[in-house]
Amino acid sequence: MDSASLMEELQLRVRELEEALAREQGGGQGQRARIKLMSPEVTDSNPYSRLMALKRMGIVKHYEKICTFTVAVVGVGGVGSVTAEMLTRCGIGKLLLFDYDKVELVNVNRLFFQPHQAGLSKVQAVEHTLRNINPDVQFEVHNYNITTVDNFQHFMDRISYGGLEEGKPVDLVLSCVDNFEARMAINTACNELGQTWMESGVIAANIDEKTLKRKGVCATSLPTTMRLVAGILVQSVLKFLLNFGTVSYHLGYSAMQDFFPTMAMKPNPQCNDKNCRKQQEEYKEKKAAQPKQVVVEQEEEIVHEDNG
């Protein structure tokens, strides 16, 4: 173990001891016990009662299935960290977290990271915080850049075999990165594996981000924007996994105009990625095999004046 990794682990351990001491001195109960089965019982001590109420409202048939799913979050910055937090509070079964950056004070405006976490890897800081929020969730963290050759192969392996049941694939991959190279790596991996994934991101409209981005500074740093995008993403995740409502192909948000555009994006049949073209063909075959819905038009009854 190199000195940097050792220092990081020591810093994390110090924070854990400080938090434990604070709970002891403050008389707090500390971390709650793990819950094996989600209960719909409405009590102040049941952390899932408000979520399970979705069943009584007829919105979700089996909310408790949320704990059987595994989601990989790639990039735990402004959007990804909040996305991971929301999924943790919802009771997701397992989270795989990928990032290679460290927490800096400039990240504290992102609604998740805290000043005392500066210097820690983002994935470790996120895992530590989320374990305290919900001990029922399993976490697997990877502190590396997925775009390098060796790391990309390991990334694909964990997507393929890092499910809640080891050896099974994850159920969904979430792209929460802020650079083109990482997006393409996720795109390439998921197309090759036939893995469903969702994209997310925040961009500056009508502004060249290259003129805004500097080392350690993101061009789009409003915490409100990050929270909105993360909320839209997690809402889509829940609808997809629990099979309720409609999952939009593309849902945007214009912060300047408070406008939510939706659209369906057509695939590129001449895509350079052979696996992308393969996925397109499989999708066409799947759609063609589905029974066509027959719309029966009812003839309008003609009412004569003398029958009125």
C-alpha atoms as a PDB file:
ATOM      1  CA  MET A   1       0.000   0.000   0.000  1.00  0.00           C
ATOM      2  CA  ASP A   2       1.447   3.401  -1.002  1.00  0.00           C
ATOM      3  CA  SER A   3       1.698   6.302   1.429  1.00  0.00           C
ATOM      4  CA  ALA A   4      -1.159   8.234  -0.206  1.00  0.00           C
ATOM      5  CA  SER A   5      -3.592   5.315   0.173  1.00  0.00           C
ATOM      6  CA  LEU A   6      -2.475   4.731   3.755  1.00  0.00           C
ATOM      7  CA  MET A   7      -2.987   8.392   4.599  1.00  0.00           C
ATOM      8  CA  GLU A   8      -6.457   8.291   3.032  1.00  0.00           C
ATOM      9  CA  GLU A   9      -7.483   5.261   5.072  1.00  0.00           C
ATOM     10  CA  LEU A  10      -6.145   6.836   8.266  1.00  0.00           C
ATOM     11  CA  GLN A  11      -8.054  10.053   7.582  1.00  0.00           C
ATOM     12  CA  LEU A  12     -11.254   8.097   7.026  1.00  0.00           C
ATOM     13  CA  ARG A  13     -10.730   6.130  10.239  1.00  0.00           C
ATOM     14  CA  VAL A  14     -10.150   9.346  12.203  1.00  0.00           C
ATOM     15  CA  ARG A  15     -13.429  10.765  10.888  1.00  0.00           C
ATOM     16  CA  GLU A  16     -15.279   7.590  11.841  1.00  0.00           C
ATOM     17  CA  LEU A  17     -13.896   7.767  15.396  1.00  0.00           C
ATOM     18  CA  GLU A  18     -14.746  11.458  15.669  1.00  0.00           C
ATOM     19  CA  GLU A  19     -18.332  10.805  14.575  1.00  0.00           C
ATOM     20  CA  ALA A  20     -18.651   7.888  17.001  1.00  0.00           C
ATOM     21  CA  LEU A  21     -17.370  10.095  19.823  1.00  0.00           C
ATOM     22  CA  ALA A  22     -19.798  12.867  18.877  1.00  0.00           C
ATOM     23  CA  ARG A  23     -22.728  10.442  18.968  1.00  0.00           C
ATOM     24  CA  GLU A  24     -21.618   9.132  22.359  1.00  0.00           C
ATOM     25  CA  GLN A  25     -21.243  12.587  23.860  1.00  0.00           C
ATOM     26  CA  GLY A  26     -24.479  13.778  22.342  1.00  0.00           C
ATOM     27  CA  GLY A  27     -26.463  10.817  23.585  1.00  0.00           C
ATOM     28  CA  GLY A  28     -27.481   9.826  20.063  1.00  0.00           C
ATOM     29  CA  GLN A  29     -28.491   6.296  19.154  1.00  0.00           C
ATOM     30  CA  GLY A  30     -25.888   6.027  16.393  1.00  0.00           C
ATOM     31  CA  GLN A  31     -26.431   3.826  13.355  1.00  0.00           C
ATOM     32  CA  ARG A  32     -29.660   1.847  13.305  1.00  0.00           C
ATOM     33  CA  ALA A  33     -29.771  -1.924  12.995  1.00  0.00           C
ATOM     34  CA  ARG A  34     -30.141  -3.465   9.567  1.00  0.00           C
ATOM     35  CA  ILE A  35     -33.656  -4.339   8.410  1.00  0.00           C
ATOM     36  CA  LYS A  36     -34.041  -7.697   6.669  1.00  0.00           C
ATOM     37  CA  LEU A  37     -37.551  -7.161   5.303  1.00  0.00           C
ATOM     38  CA  MET A  38     -39.292  -3.930   4.318  1.00  0.00           C
ATOM     39  CA  SER A  39     -42.500  -3.440   6.260  1.00  0.00           C
ATOM     40  CA  PRO A  40     -45.507  -1.282   5.315  1.00  0.00           C
ATOM     41  CA  GLU A  41     -46.222  -0.666   9.009  1.00  0.00           C
ATOM     42  CA  VAL A  42     -46.739   3.047   9.608  1.00  0.00           C
ATOM     43  CA  THR A  43     -44.553   3.869  12.597  1.00  0.00           C
ATOM     44  CA  ASP A  44     -41.993   6.557  13.328  1.00  0.00           C
ATOM     45  CA  SER A  45     -39.334   3.846  13.707  1.00  0.00           C
ATOM     46  CA  ASN A  46     -39.909   2.349  10.235  1.00  0.00           C
ATOM     47  CA  PRO A  47     -37.621   4.136   7.733  1.00  0.00           C
ATOM     48  CA  TYR A  48     -39.500   2.663   4.770  1.00  0.00           C
ATOM     49  CA  SER A  49     -43.115   3.372   5.812  1.00  0.00           C
ATOM     50  CA  ARG A  50     -43.471   6.485   3.626  1.00  0.00           C
ATOM     51  CA  LEU A  51     -41.980   4.660   0.642  1.00  0.00           C
ATOM     52  CA  MET A  52     -44.096   1.544   1.118  1.00  0.00           C
ATOM     53  CA  ALA A  53     -47.150   3.823   1.162  1.00  0.00           C
ATOM     54  CA  LEU A  54     -46.772   3.953  -2.628  1.00  0.00           C
ATOM     55  CA  LYS A  55     -48.269   0.437  -2.634  1.00  0.00           C
ATOM     56  CA  ARG A  56     -51.344   1.537  -0.658  1.00  0.00           C
ATOM     57  CA  MET A  57     -51.768   4.463  -3.044  1.00  0.00           C
ATOM     58  CA  GLY A  58     -51.777   2.060  -6.001  1.00  0.00           C
ATOM     59  CA  ILE A  59     -48.739   3.649  -7.655  1.00  0.00           C
ATOM     60  CA  VAL A  60     -46.270   0.782  -7.223  1.00  0.00           C
ATOM     61  CA  LYS A  61     -47.303  -2.856  -6.877  1.00  0.00           C
ATOM     62  CA  HIS A  62     -44.223  -4.192  -5.111  1.00  0.00           C
ATOM     63  CA  TYR A  63     -42.017  -1.417  -3.762  1.00  0.00           C
ATOM     64  CA  GLU A  64     -40.117  -3.888  -1.584  1.00  0.00           C
ATOM     65  CA  LYS A  65     -38.474  -5.237  -4.760  1.00  0.00           C
ATOM     66  CA  ILE A  66     -36.229  -2.165  -4.732  1.00  0.00           C
ATOM     67  CA  CYS A  67     -33.886  -4.007  -2.358  1.00  0.00           C
ATOM     68  CA  THR A  68     -33.265  -6.730  -4.982  1.00  0.00           C
ATOM     69  CA  PHE A  69     -31.713  -4.391  -7.557  1.00  0.00           C
ATOM     70  CA  THR A  70     -28.121  -3.328  -8.185  1.00  0.00           C
ATOM     71  CA  VAL A  71     -27.230   0.006  -9.763  1.00  0.00           C
ATOM     72  CA  ALA A  72     -23.793   1.194 -10.878  1.00  0.00           C
ATOM     73  CA  VAL A  73     -23.172   4.940 -10.604  1.00  0.00           C
ATOM     74  CA  VAL A  74     -20.234   6.132 -12.690  1.00  0.00           C
ATOM     75  CA  GLY A  75     -19.047   9.534 -11.486  1.00  0.00           C
ATOM     76  CA  VAL A  76     -19.949  10.689  -7.957  1.00  0.00           C
ATOM     77  CA  GLY A  77     -19.569  14.428  -8.359  1.00  0.00           C
ATOM     78  CA  GLY A  78     -22.369  16.975  -8.269  1.00  0.00           C
ATOM     79  CA  VAL A  79     -25.043  14.770  -9.876  1.00  0.00           C
ATOM     80  CA  GLY A  80     -23.690  11.300  -9.074  1.00  0.00           C
ATOM     81  CA  SER A  81     -23.222  11.802  -5.329  1.00  0.00           C
ATOM     82  CA  VAL A  82     -26.773  13.091  -4.878  1.00  0.00           C
ATOM     83  CA  THR A  83     -28.092  10.313  -7.126  1.00  0.00           C
ATOM     84  CA  ALA A  84     -26.365   7.709  -4.941  1.00  0.00           C
ATOM     85  CA  GLU A  85     -27.782   9.360  -1.822  1.00  0.00           C
ATOM     86  CA  MET A  86     -31.361   9.289  -3.144  1.00  0.00           C
ATOM     87  CA  LEU A  87     -31.095   5.636  -4.175  1.00  0.00           C
ATOM     88  CA  THR A  88     -29.658   4.785  -0.757  1.00  0.00           C
ATOM     89  CA  ARG A  89     -32.561   6.466   1.019  1.00  0.00           C
ATOM     90  CA  CYS A  90     -34.958   4.583  -1.281  1.00  0.00           C
ATOM     91  CA  GLY A  91     -33.469   1.266  -0.122  1.00  0.00           C
ATOM     92  CA  ILE A  92     -31.696   0.062  -3.275  1.00  0.00           C
ATOM     93  CA  GLY A  93     -30.082  -3.353  -2.808  1.00  0.00           C
ATOM     94  CA  LYS A  94     -26.535  -2.567  -3.927  1.00  0.00           C
ATOM     95  CA  LEU A  95     -24.608   0.382  -5.319  1.00  0.00           C
ATOM     96  CA  LEU A  96     -21.383   0.191  -7.316  1.00  0.00           C
ATOM     97  CA  LEU A  97     -19.582   3.545  -7.273  1.00  0.00           C
ATOM     98  CA  PHE A  98     -16.872   4.524  -9.774  1.00  0.00           C
ATOM     99  CA  ASP A  99     -14.746   7.678  -9.672  1.00  0.00           C
ATOM    100  CA  TYR A 100     -11.057   8.569  -9.525  1.00  0.00           C
ATOM    101  CA  ASP A 101     -11.221  12.116  -8.138  1.00  0.00           C
ATOM    102  CA  LYS A 102     -10.638  13.392  -4.603  1.00  0.00           C
ATOM    103  CA  VAL A 103     -12.875  15.657  -2.544  1.00  0.00           C
ATOM    104  CA  GLU A 104     -11.787  19.302  -2.529  1.00  0.00           C
ATOM    105  CA  LEU A 105     -13.317  22.277  -0.752  1.00  0.00           C
ATOM    106  CA  VAL A 106     -14.654  23.447  -4.104  1.00  0.00           C
ATOM    107  CA  ASN A 107     -16.942  20.367  -4.036  1.00  0.00           C
ATOM    108  CA  VAL A 108     -18.668  21.338  -0.778  1.00  0.00           C
ATOM    109  CA  ASN A 109     -21.291  23.380  -2.656  1.00  0.00           C
ATOM    110  CA  ARG A 110     -22.656  20.157  -4.190  1.00  0.00           C
ATOM    111  CA  LEU A 111     -25.162  19.366  -1.397  1.00  0.00           C
ATOM    112  CA  PHE A 112     -23.371  16.183  -0.407  1.00  0.00           C
ATOM    113  CA  PHE A 113     -19.692  16.469   0.476  1.00  0.00           C
ATOM    114  CA  GLN A 114     -18.576  17.954   3.790  1.00  0.00           C
ATOM    115  CA  PRO A 115     -15.472  20.054   4.551  1.00  0.00           C
ATOM    116  CA  HIS A 116     -13.874  17.401   6.761  1.00  0.00           C
ATOM    117  CA  GLN A 117     -13.894  14.961   3.806  1.00  0.00           C
ATOM    118  CA  ALA A 118     -11.410  17.068   1.815  1.00  0.00           C
ATOM    119  CA  GLY A 119      -8.523  14.874   0.656  1.00  0.00           C
ATOM    120  CA  LEU A 120     -10.503  11.629   0.637  1.00  0.00           C
ATOM    121  CA  SER A 121     -11.364   9.860  -2.598  1.00  0.00           C
ATOM    122  CA  LYS A 122     -14.911  10.736  -3.610  1.00  0.00           C
ATOM    123  CA  VAL A 123     -16.030   7.106  -3.661  1.00  0.00           C
ATOM    124  CA  GLN A 124     -14.810   6.514  -0.092  1.00  0.00           C
ATOM    125  CA  ALA A 125     -16.375   9.737   1.159  1.00  0.00           C
ATOM    126  CA  VAL A 126     -19.684   8.843  -0.484  1.00  0.00           C
ATOM    127  CA  GLU A 127     -19.635   5.271   0.819  1.00  0.00           C
ATOM    128  CA  HIS A 128     -18.872   6.386   4.379  1.00  0.00           C
ATOM    129  CA  THR A 129     -21.729   8.898   4.427  1.00  0.00           C
ATOM    130  CA  LEU A 130     -24.250   6.573   2.806  1.00  0.00           C
ATOM    131  CA  ARG A 131     -23.479   3.620   5.093  1.00  0.00           C
ATOM    132  CA  ASN A 132     -24.494   5.832   8.006  1.00  0.00           C
ATOM    133  CA  ILE A 133     -27.703   6.836   6.232  1.00  0.00           C
ATOM    134  CA  ASN A 134     -28.827   3.311   5.352  1.00  0.00           C
ATOM    135  CA  PRO A 135     -26.943   0.226   6.579  1.00  0.00           C
ATOM    136  CA  ASP A 136     -29.262  -2.045   4.561  1.00  0.00           C
ATOM    137  CA  VAL A 137     -27.566  -1.090   1.283  1.00  0.00           C
ATOM    138  CA  GLN A 138     -24.478  -2.923   0.047  1.00  0.00           C
ATOM    139  CA  PHE A 139     -21.660  -0.831  -1.432  1.00  0.00           C
ATOM    140  CA  GLU A 140     -18.790  -1.583  -3.757  1.00  0.00           C
ATOM    141  CA  VAL A 141     -16.410   1.272  -4.579  1.00  0.00           C
ATOM    142  CA  HIS A 142     -13.739   1.605  -7.243  1.00  0.00           C
ATOM    143  CA  ASN A 143     -11.316   4.513  -7.125  1.00  0.00           C
ATOM    144  CA  TYR A 144     -10.018   4.575 -10.705  1.00  0.00           C
ATOM    145  CA  ASN A 145     -10.434   6.100 -14.147  1.00  0.00           C
ATOM    146  CA  ILE A 146     -12.599   3.783 -16.274  1.00  0.00           C
ATOM    147  CA  THR A 147     -11.150   5.094 -19.558  1.00  0.00           C
ATOM    148  CA  THR A 148      -7.720   3.423 -19.216  1.00  0.00           C
ATOM    149  CA  VAL A 149      -7.280   0.011 -20.874  1.00  0.00           C
ATOM    150  CA  ASP A 150      -6.825  -2.064 -17.700  1.00  0.00           C
ATOM    151  CA  ASN A 151      -9.478  -0.238 -15.714  1.00  0.00           C
ATOM    152  CA  PHE A 152     -11.978  -0.401 -18.578  1.00  0.00           C
ATOM    153  CA  GLN A 153     -11.800  -4.198 -18.617  1.00  0.00           C
ATOM    154  CA  HIS A 154     -12.244  -4.350 -14.847  1.00  0.00           C
ATOM    155  CA  PHE A 155     -15.177  -1.926 -15.156  1.00  0.00           C
ATOM    156  CA  MET A 156     -16.827  -4.240 -17.684  1.00  0.00           C
ATOM    157  CA  ASP A 157     -16.198  -7.240 -15.420  1.00  0.00           C
ATOM    158  CA  ARG A 158     -17.895  -5.572 -12.448  1.00  0.00           C
ATOM    159  CA  ILE A 159     -20.845  -4.513 -14.598  1.00  0.00           C
ATOM    160  CA  SER A 160     -21.147  -8.121 -15.759  1.00  0.00           C
ATOM    161  CA  TYR A 161     -20.633  -9.898 -12.427  1.00  0.00           C
ATOM    162  CA  GLY A 162     -21.057  -7.344  -9.621  1.00  0.00           C
ATOM    163  CA  GLY A 163     -24.770  -7.729  -9.017  1.00  0.00           C
ATOM    164  CA  LEU A 164     -26.394  -8.219  -5.629  1.00  0.00           C
ATOM    165  CA  GLU A 165     -25.794 -11.904  -6.196  1.00  0.00           C
ATOM    166  CA  GLU A 166     -22.115 -12.121  -7.121  1.00  0.00           C
ATOM    167  CA  GLY A 167     -21.699 -13.439 -10.639  1.00  0.00           C
ATOM    168  CA  LYS A 168     -24.872 -11.756 -11.909  1.00  0.00           C
ATOM    169  CA  PRO A 169     -24.885  -8.468 -13.879  1.00  0.00           C
ATOM    170  CA  VAL A 170     -26.037  -5.162 -12.453  1.00  0.00           C
ATOM    171  CA  ASP A 171     -29.571  -4.091 -13.306  1.00  0.00           C
ATOM    172  CA  LEU A 172     -28.753  -0.572 -14.472  1.00  0.00           C
ATOM    173  CA  VAL A 173     -25.774   1.698 -15.129  1.00  0.00           C
ATOM    174  CA  LEU A 174     -26.016   5.452 -14.538  1.00  0.00           C
ATOM    175  CA  SER A 175     -23.653   7.768 -16.357  1.00  0.00           C
ATOM    176  CA  CYS A 176     -23.037  10.823 -14.158  1.00  0.00           C
ATOM    177  CA  VAL A 177     -19.705  11.864 -15.635  1.00  0.00           C
ATOM    178  CA  ASP A 178     -18.660  15.281 -16.924  1.00  0.00           C
ATOM    179  CA  ASN A 179     -16.390  14.449 -19.859  1.00  0.00           C
ATOM    180  CA  PHE A 180     -16.815  12.977 -23.328  1.00  0.00           C
ATOM    181  CA  GLU A 181     -14.168  10.234 -22.939  1.00  0.00           C
ATOM    182  CA  ALA A 182     -15.912   8.699 -19.917  1.00  0.00           C
ATOM    183  CA  ARG A 183     -19.322   8.900 -21.610  1.00  0.00           C
ATOM    184  CA  MET A 184     -17.958   7.045 -24.630  1.00  0.00           C
ATOM    185  CA  ALA A 185     -16.367   4.401 -22.387  1.00  0.00           C
ATOM    186  CA  ILE A 186     -19.723   3.785 -20.664  1.00  0.00           C
ATOM    187  CA  ASN A 187     -21.503   3.778 -24.024  1.00  0.00           C
ATOM    188  CA  THR A 188     -19.017   1.272 -25.481  1.00  0.00           C
ATOM    189  CA  ALA A 189     -19.121  -1.046 -22.462  1.00  0.00           C
ATOM    190  CA  CYS A 190     -22.911  -1.117 -22.195  1.00  0.00           C
ATOM    191  CA  ASN A 191     -23.410  -1.667 -25.936  1.00  0.00           C
ATOM    192  CA  GLU A 192     -20.961  -4.563 -25.913  1.00  0.00           C
ATOM    193  CA  LEU A 193     -22.586  -6.139 -22.858  1.00  0.00           C
ATOM    194  CA  GLY A 194     -26.164  -5.424 -23.880  1.00  0.00           C
ATOM    195  CA  GLN A 195     -26.521  -3.515 -20.621  1.00  0.00           C
ATOM    196  CA  THR A 196     -29.206  -0.895 -20.061  1.00  0.00           C
ATOM    197  CA  TRP A 197     -27.851   2.485 -18.986  1.00  0.00           C
ATOM    198  CA  MET A 198     -29.079   6.046 -18.480  1.00  0.00           C
ATOM    199  CA  GLU A 199     -27.211   9.255 -19.266  1.00  0.00           C
ATOM    200  CA  SER A 200     -27.290  12.442 -17.219  1.00  0.00           C
ATOM    201  CA  GLY A 201     -25.432  15.700 -17.265  1.00  0.00           C
ATOM    202  CA  VAL A 202     -25.446  19.451 -16.837  1.00  0.00           C
ATOM    203  CA  ILE A 203     -24.307  21.808 -19.574  1.00  0.00           C
ATOM    204  CA  ALA A 204     -24.068  25.580 -19.966  1.00  0.00           C
ATOM    205  CA  ALA A 205     -26.442  26.720 -22.706  1.00  0.00           C
ATOM    206  CA  ASN A 206     -25.131  29.089 -25.410  1.00  0.00           C
ATOM    207  CA  ILE A 207     -21.731  29.247 -23.687  1.00  0.00           C
ATOM    208  CA  ASP A 208     -18.488  27.570 -24.666  1.00  0.00           C
ATOM    209  CA  GLU A 209     -17.620  25.540 -21.581  1.00  0.00           C
ATOM    210  CA  LYS A 210     -13.967  25.525 -22.605  1.00  0.00           C
ATOM    211  CA  THR A 211     -13.819  29.211 -21.734  1.00  0.00           C
ATOM    212  CA  LEU A 212     -15.326  28.568 -18.298  1.00  0.00           C
ATOM    213  CA  LYS A 213     -13.697  25.378 -17.094  1.00  0.00           C
ATOM    214  CA  ARG A 214     -10.523  25.731 -15.092  1.00  0.00           C
ATOM    215  CA  LYS A 215      -8.654  23.254 -12.965  1.00  0.00           C
ATOM    216  CA  GLY A 216     -10.889  22.196 -10.077  1.00  0.00           C
ATOM    217  CA  VAL A 217     -13.807  24.350 -11.240  1.00  0.00           C
ATOM    218  CA  CYS A 218     -16.926  23.096 -12.992  1.00  0.00           C
ATOM    219  CA  ALA A 219     -18.701  25.475 -15.355  1.00  0.00           C
ATOM    220  CA  THR A 220     -22.115  24.517 -13.989  1.00  0.00           C
ATOM    221  CA  SER A 221     -21.873  24.510 -10.234  1.00  0.00           C
ATOM    222  CA  LEU A 222     -25.282  25.550  -8.891  1.00  0.00           C
ATOM    223  CA  PRO A 223     -26.339  22.999  -6.265  1.00  0.00           C
ATOM    224  CA  THR A 224     -29.972  23.542  -7.235  1.00  0.00           C
ATOM    225  CA  THR A 225     -29.256  22.416 -10.792  1.00  0.00           C
ATOM    226  CA  MET A 226     -27.391  19.338  -9.595  1.00  0.00           C
ATOM    227  CA  ARG A 227     -30.236  18.353  -7.282  1.00  0.00           C
ATOM    228  CA  LEU A 228     -32.837  18.811 -10.030  1.00  0.00           C
ATOM    229  CA  VAL A 229     -30.945  16.661 -12.525  1.00  0.00           C
ATOM    230  CA  ALA A 230     -30.262  13.967  -9.923  1.00  0.00           C
ATOM    231  CA  GLY A 231     -33.931  13.950  -8.925  1.00  0.00           C
ATOM    232  CA  ILE A 232     -35.084  13.524 -12.528  1.00  0.00           C
ATOM    233  CA  LEU A 233     -32.558  10.721 -13.022  1.00  0.00           C
ATOM    234  CA  VAL A 234     -33.531   8.803  -9.872  1.00  0.00           C
ATOM    235  CA  GLN A 235     -37.228   9.235 -10.681  1.00  0.00           C
ATOM    236  CA  SER A 236     -36.558   7.540 -14.029  1.00  0.00           C
ATOM    237  CA  VAL A 237     -34.545   4.806 -12.310  1.00  0.00           C
ATOM    238  CA  LEU A 238     -37.372   4.001  -9.899  1.00  0.00           C
ATOM    239  CA  LYS A 239     -39.961   3.950 -12.682  1.00  0.00           C
ATOM    240  CA  PHE A 240     -37.753   1.679 -14.778  1.00  0.00           C
ATOM    241  CA  LEU A 241     -36.890  -0.785 -12.010  1.00  0.00           C
ATOM    242  CA  LEU A 242     -40.316  -0.901 -10.344  1.00  0.00           C
ATOM    243  CA  ASN A 243     -42.291  -0.721 -13.592  1.00  0.00           C
ATOM    244  CA  PHE A 244     -44.607   2.213 -13.039  1.00  0.00           C
ATOM    245  CA  GLY A 245     -45.322   5.411 -14.942  1.00  0.00           C
ATOM    246  CA  THR A 246     -43.546   6.357 -18.158  1.00  0.00           C
ATOM    247  CA  VAL A 247     -39.787   6.563 -18.594  1.00  0.00           C
ATOM    248  CA  SER A 248     -38.963   9.282 -21.125  1.00  0.00           C
ATOM    249  CA  TYR A 249     -36.334   8.619 -23.772  1.00  0.00           C
ATOM    250  CA  HIS A 250     -34.990  12.119 -23.178  1.00  0.00           C
ATOM    251  CA  LEU A 251     -36.089  14.598 -20.530  1.00  0.00           C
ATOM    252  CA  GLY A 252     -34.324  17.917 -20.240  1.00  0.00           C
ATOM    253  CA  TYR A 253     -34.563  20.973 -18.038  1.00  0.00           C
ATOM    254  CA  SER A 254     -33.811  24.547 -19.001  1.00  0.00           C
ATOM    255  CA  ALA A 255     -32.931  26.364 -15.784  1.00  0.00           C
ATOM    256  CA  MET A 256     -33.152  29.785 -17.427  1.00  0.00           C
ATOM    257  CA  GLN A 257     -36.687  29.242 -18.734  1.00  0.00           C
ATOM    258  CA  ASP A 258     -38.087  26.556 -16.393  1.00  0.00           C
ATOM    259  CA  PHE A 259     -38.826  24.375 -19.397  1.00  0.00           C
ATOM    260  CA  PHE A 260     -38.854  20.553 -19.438  1.00  0.00           C
ATOM    261  CA  PRO A 261     -38.467  19.340 -23.059  1.00  0.00           C
ATOM    262  CA  THR A 262     -38.983  15.677 -23.934  1.00  0.00           C
ATOM    263  CA  MET A 263     -38.063  13.929 -27.149  1.00  0.00           C
ATOM    264  CA  ALA A 264     -37.263  10.560 -28.696  1.00  0.00           C
ATOM    265  CA  MET A 265     -33.735  10.370 -30.112  1.00  0.00           C
ATOM    266  CA  LYS A 266     -33.241   8.211 -33.206  1.00  0.00           C
ATOM    267  CA  PRO A 267     -30.222   5.868 -33.340  1.00  0.00           C
ATOM    268  CA  ASN A 268     -27.527   6.279 -35.960  1.00  0.00           C
ATOM    269  CA  PRO A 269     -27.726   3.273 -38.334  1.00  0.00           C
ATOM    270  CA  GLN A 270     -24.203   4.067 -39.573  1.00  0.00           C
ATOM    271  CA  CYS A 271     -22.680   4.133 -36.090  1.00  0.00           C
ATOM    272  CA  ASN A 272     -18.985   3.167 -35.998  1.00  0.00           C
ATOM    273  CA  ASP A 273     -19.615   0.881 -33.005  1.00  0.00           C
ATOM    274  CA  LYS A 274     -20.595  -2.563 -34.301  1.00  0.00           C
ATOM    275  CA  ASN A 275     -22.201  -3.410 -30.948  1.00  0.00           C
ATOM    276  CA  CYS A 276     -24.382  -0.327 -31.220  1.00  0.00           C
ATOM    277  CA  ARG A 277     -25.565  -1.446 -34.664  1.00  0.00           C
ATOM    278  CA  LYS A 278     -26.169  -4.926 -33.240  1.00  0.00           C
ATOM    279  CA  GLN A 279     -28.311  -3.488 -30.446  1.00  0.00           C
ATOM    280  CA  GLN A 280     -30.309  -1.529 -33.024  1.00  0.00           C
ATOM    281  CA  GLU A 281     -31.051  -4.660 -35.033  1.00  0.00           C
ATOM    282  CA  GLU A 282     -32.066  -6.606 -31.931  1.00  0.00           C
ATOM    283  CA  TYR A 283     -34.384  -3.765 -30.928  1.00  0.00           C
ATOM    284  CA  LYS A 284     -36.021  -3.776 -34.371  1.00  0.00           C
ATOM    285  CA  GLU A 285     -36.565  -7.536 -34.184  1.00  0.00           C
ATOM    286  CA  LYS A 286     -38.026  -7.209 -30.699  1.00  0.00           C
ATOM    287  CA  LYS A 287     -40.436  -4.502 -31.813  1.00  0.00           C
ATOM    288  CA  ALA A 288     -41.441  -6.484 -34.911  1.00  0.00           C
ATOM    289  CA  ALA A 289     -42.223  -9.551 -32.774  1.00  0.00           C
ATOM    290  CA  GLN A 290     -44.605  -7.616 -30.554  1.00  0.00           C
ATOM    291  CA  PRO A 291     -48.296  -7.966 -31.439  1.00  0.00           C
ATOM    292  CA  LYS A 292     -49.619  -4.934 -33.242  1.00  0.00           C
ATOM    293  CA  GLN A 293     -52.351  -3.008 -31.512  1.00  0.00           C
ATOM    294  CA  VAL A 294     -55.466  -2.769 -33.636  1.00  0.00           C
ATOM    295  CA  VAL A 295     -57.321   0.490 -33.265  1.00  0.00           C
ATOM    296  CA  VAL A 296     -61.049   0.051 -33.911  1.00  0.00           C
ATOM    297  CA  GLU A 297     -62.677   3.214 -35.154  1.00  0.00           C
ATOM    298  CA  GLN A 298     -66.326   3.566 -34.270  1.00  0.00           C
ATOM    299  CA  GLU A 299     -68.563   4.987 -36.946  1.00  0.00           C
ATOM    300  CA  GLU A 300     -70.365   8.103 -35.903  1.00  0.00           C
ATOM    301  CA  GLU A 301     -74.132   7.558 -35.798  1.00  0.00           C
ATOM    302  CA  ILE A 302     -75.936   9.786 -38.238  1.00  0.00           C
ATOM    303  CA  VAL A 303     -78.912  11.479 -36.660  1.00  0.00           C
ATOM    304  CA  HIS A 304     -81.502  12.779 -39.147  1.00  0.00           C
ATOM    305  CA  GLU A 305     -83.487  15.874 -38.377  1.00  0.00           C
ATOM    306  CA  ASP A 306     -86.758  13.959 -38.354  1.00  0.00           C
ATOM    307  CA  ASN A 307     -85.309  11.525 -35.780  1.00  0.00           C
ATOM    308  CA  GLY A 308     -84.181  14.294 -33.478  1.00  0.00           C
END
